[in-house]
């Protein structure tokens, strides 16, 4: 499976950059330092390359809060590593760790 996100029903995928990251482990979209132009509807697209099929989820709205309340995303480090991670010699391994808030 691979995960991608679209923004406001655009056919182009949200591009990963210094502020945006799509976890290929969970499918989650992370946006650091949300800006006013990030406000809108995000839709996850899951693709199964073996079956040649894609499925689109429901839109998830992103809004800015002006009251300063952090809600469920208080500052914290989130890391869910397996007890053991294996990698072949000379290959790459990716470990995901996020600073939220």
C-alpha atoms as a PDB file:
ATOM      1  CA  UNK A   1       0.000   0.000   0.000  1.00  0.00           C
ATOM      2  CA  UNK A   2       1.062   3.581  -0.560  1.00  0.00           C
ATOM      3  CA  UNK A   3      -0.557   6.702   0.860  1.00  0.00           C
ATOM      4  CA  UNK A   4      -1.009  10.170  -0.619  1.00  0.00           C
ATOM      5  CA  UNK A   5      -3.229  13.176   0.124  1.00  0.00           C
ATOM      6  CA  UNK A   6      -5.117  15.632  -2.063  1.00  0.00           C
ATOM      7  CA  UNK A   7      -6.130  19.170  -1.065  1.00  0.00           C
ATOM      8  CA  UNK A   8      -9.554  20.710  -1.824  1.00  0.00           C
ATOM      9  CA  UNK A   9     -10.466  18.028  -4.384  1.00  0.00           C
ATOM     10  CA  UNK A  10      -7.405  18.855  -6.490  1.00  0.00           C
ATOM     11  CA  UNK A  11      -6.215  15.955  -8.654  1.00  0.00           C
ATOM     12  CA  UNK A  12      -2.600  16.727  -7.700  1.00  0.00           C
ATOM     13  CA  UNK A  13      -1.197  15.164  -4.546  1.00  0.00           C
ATOM     14  CA  UNK A  14       0.000  17.269  -1.606  1.00  0.00           C
ATOM     15  CA  UNK A  15       3.759  17.566  -2.091  1.00  0.00           C
ATOM     16  CA  UNK A  16       6.014  16.623   0.802  1.00  0.00           C
ATOM     17  CA  UNK A  17       8.439  19.357   1.804  1.00  0.00           C
ATOM     18  CA  UNK A  18      10.026  20.780   4.953  1.00  0.00           C
ATOM     19  CA  UNK A  19       6.554  21.267   6.494  1.00  0.00           C
ATOM     20  CA  UNK A  20       4.560  18.329   5.121  1.00  0.00           C
ATOM     21  CA  UNK A  21       5.156  14.615   5.546  1.00  0.00           C
ATOM     22  CA  UNK A  22       3.026  11.575   4.667  1.00  0.00           C
ATOM     23  CA  UNK A  23       3.777   8.510   6.775  1.00  0.00           C
ATOM     24  CA  UNK A  24       3.934   5.422   4.585  1.00  0.00           C
ATOM     25  CA  UNK A  25       3.574   3.391   7.791  1.00  0.00           C
ATOM     26  CA  UNK A  26       0.252   4.862   8.993  1.00  0.00           C
ATOM     27  CA  UNK A  27      -0.960   7.028   6.081  1.00  0.00           C
ATOM     28  CA  UNK A  28      -1.099  10.071   8.367  1.00  0.00           C
ATOM     29  CA  UNK A  29      -0.424  13.524   6.944  1.00  0.00           C
ATOM     30  CA  UNK A  30       1.667  15.729   9.240  1.00  0.00           C
ATOM     31  CA  UNK A  31       1.900  19.486   8.727  1.00  0.00           C
ATOM     32  CA  UNK A  32       4.368  21.509  10.769  1.00  0.00           C
ATOM     33  CA  UNK A  33       3.623  25.173  11.473  1.00  0.00           C
ATOM     34  CA  UNK A  34       0.185  25.368   9.880  1.00  0.00           C
ATOM     35  CA  UNK A  35      -0.292  28.507   7.770  1.00  0.00           C
ATOM     36  CA  UNK A  36      -3.574  30.172   6.706  1.00  0.00           C
ATOM     37  CA  UNK A  37      -3.224  28.801   3.158  1.00  0.00           C
ATOM     38  CA  UNK A  38      -3.194  25.224   4.582  1.00  0.00           C
ATOM     39  CA  UNK A  39      -6.858  25.580   5.600  1.00  0.00           C
ATOM     40  CA  UNK A  40      -9.166  23.393   3.542  1.00  0.00           C
ATOM     41  CA  UNK A  41     -10.201  19.786   2.990  1.00  0.00           C
ATOM     42  CA  UNK A  42      -7.640  16.991   2.795  1.00  0.00           C
ATOM     43  CA  UNK A  43      -8.478  13.574   1.338  1.00  0.00           C
ATOM     44  CA  UNK A  44      -6.364  10.446   1.759  1.00  0.00           C
ATOM     45  CA  UNK A  45      -5.791   8.223  -1.280  1.00  0.00           C
ATOM     46  CA  UNK A  46      -4.614   4.658  -0.632  1.00  0.00           C
ATOM     47  CA  UNK A  47      -3.134   2.763  -3.578  1.00  0.00           C
ATOM     48  CA  UNK A  48      -2.537  -0.981  -3.838  1.00  0.00           C
ATOM     49  CA  UNK A  49       0.029  -1.258  -6.623  1.00  0.00           C
ATOM     50  CA  UNK A  50      -0.277  -5.064  -6.846  1.00  0.00           C
ATOM     51  CA  UNK A  51      -4.039  -4.859  -7.471  1.00  0.00           C
ATOM     52  CA  UNK A  52      -3.750  -1.654  -9.503  1.00  0.00           C
ATOM     53  CA  UNK A  53      -6.478   0.013  -7.417  1.00  0.00           C
ATOM     54  CA  UNK A  54      -6.823   3.250  -5.481  1.00  0.00           C
ATOM     55  CA  UNK A  55      -9.409   4.114  -2.858  1.00  0.00           C
ATOM     56  CA  UNK A  56     -10.217   7.621  -1.684  1.00  0.00           C
ATOM     57  CA  UNK A  57     -11.329   8.364   1.879  1.00  0.00           C
ATOM     58  CA  UNK A  58     -13.703  11.084   3.051  1.00  0.00           C
ATOM     59  CA  UNK A  59     -12.461  14.695   3.198  1.00  0.00           C
ATOM     60  CA  UNK A  60     -10.867  15.792   6.473  1.00  0.00           C
ATOM     61  CA  UNK A  61     -11.243  19.539   7.145  1.00  0.00           C
ATOM     62  CA  UNK A  62      -8.335  21.547   8.545  1.00  0.00           C
ATOM     63  CA  UNK A  63      -9.226  24.801  10.307  1.00  0.00           C
ATOM     64  CA  UNK A  64      -7.145  27.292  12.247  1.00  0.00           C
ATOM     65  CA  UNK A  65      -7.946  28.058  15.860  1.00  0.00           C
ATOM     66  CA  UNK A  66      -7.524  31.641  16.946  1.00  0.00           C
ATOM     67  CA  UNK A  67      -8.132  30.976  20.660  1.00  0.00           C
ATOM     68  CA  UNK A  68      -4.677  29.494  21.321  1.00  0.00           C
ATOM     69  CA  UNK A  69      -6.112  26.179  22.549  1.00  0.00           C
ATOM     70  CA  UNK A  70      -3.935  23.253  21.491  1.00  0.00           C
ATOM     71  CA  UNK A  71      -6.750  20.688  21.671  1.00  0.00           C
ATOM     72  CA  UNK A  72      -5.620  17.077  21.384  1.00  0.00           C
ATOM     73  CA  UNK A  73      -2.223  17.990  19.929  1.00  0.00           C
ATOM     74  CA  UNK A  74      -0.382  19.270  22.967  1.00  0.00           C
ATOM     75  CA  UNK A  75       3.423  19.452  22.635  1.00  0.00           C
ATOM     76  CA  UNK A  76       4.923  15.947  22.789  1.00  0.00           C
ATOM     77  CA  UNK A  77       7.302  13.608  21.009  1.00  0.00           C
ATOM     78  CA  UNK A  78       5.526  10.692  19.378  1.00  0.00           C
ATOM     79  CA  UNK A  79       7.538   7.632  18.426  1.00  0.00           C
ATOM     80  CA  UNK A  80       6.151   4.153  17.926  1.00  0.00           C
ATOM     81  CA  UNK A  81       9.070   1.952  17.067  1.00  0.00           C
ATOM     82  CA  UNK A  82       8.850  -1.811  16.806  1.00  0.00           C
ATOM     83  CA  UNK A  83      10.837  -3.694  19.413  1.00  0.00           C
ATOM     84  CA  UNK A  84      13.289  -4.715  16.696  1.00  0.00           C
ATOM     85  CA  UNK A  85      13.949  -3.201  13.259  1.00  0.00           C
ATOM     86  CA  UNK A  86      15.796  -5.243  10.635  1.00  0.00           C
ATOM     87  CA  UNK A  87      17.698  -3.924   7.641  1.00  0.00           C
ATOM     88  CA  UNK A  88      19.982  -5.591   5.130  1.00  0.00           C
ATOM     89  CA  UNK A  89      23.583  -4.410   4.997  1.00  0.00           C
ATOM     90  CA  UNK A  90      24.000  -1.324   2.767  1.00  0.00           C
ATOM     91  CA  UNK A  91      20.229  -0.762   2.645  1.00  0.00           C
ATOM     92  CA  UNK A  92      18.218   2.113   4.127  1.00  0.00           C
ATOM     93  CA  UNK A  93      15.879   2.027   7.114  1.00  0.00           C
ATOM     94  CA  UNK A  94      13.385   4.761   7.939  1.00  0.00           C
ATOM     95  CA  UNK A  95      12.282   5.420  11.515  1.00  0.00           C
ATOM     96  CA  UNK A  96       9.496   7.934  12.013  1.00  0.00           C
ATOM     97  CA  UNK A  97       9.480  10.213  15.057  1.00  0.00           C
ATOM     98  CA  UNK A  98       7.329  13.331  15.326  1.00  0.00           C
ATOM     99  CA  UNK A  99       7.313  16.401  17.497  1.00  0.00           C
ATOM    100  CA  UNK A 100       3.675  17.404  17.867  1.00  0.00           C
ATOM    101  CA  UNK A 101       2.213  20.651  19.090  1.00  0.00           C
END
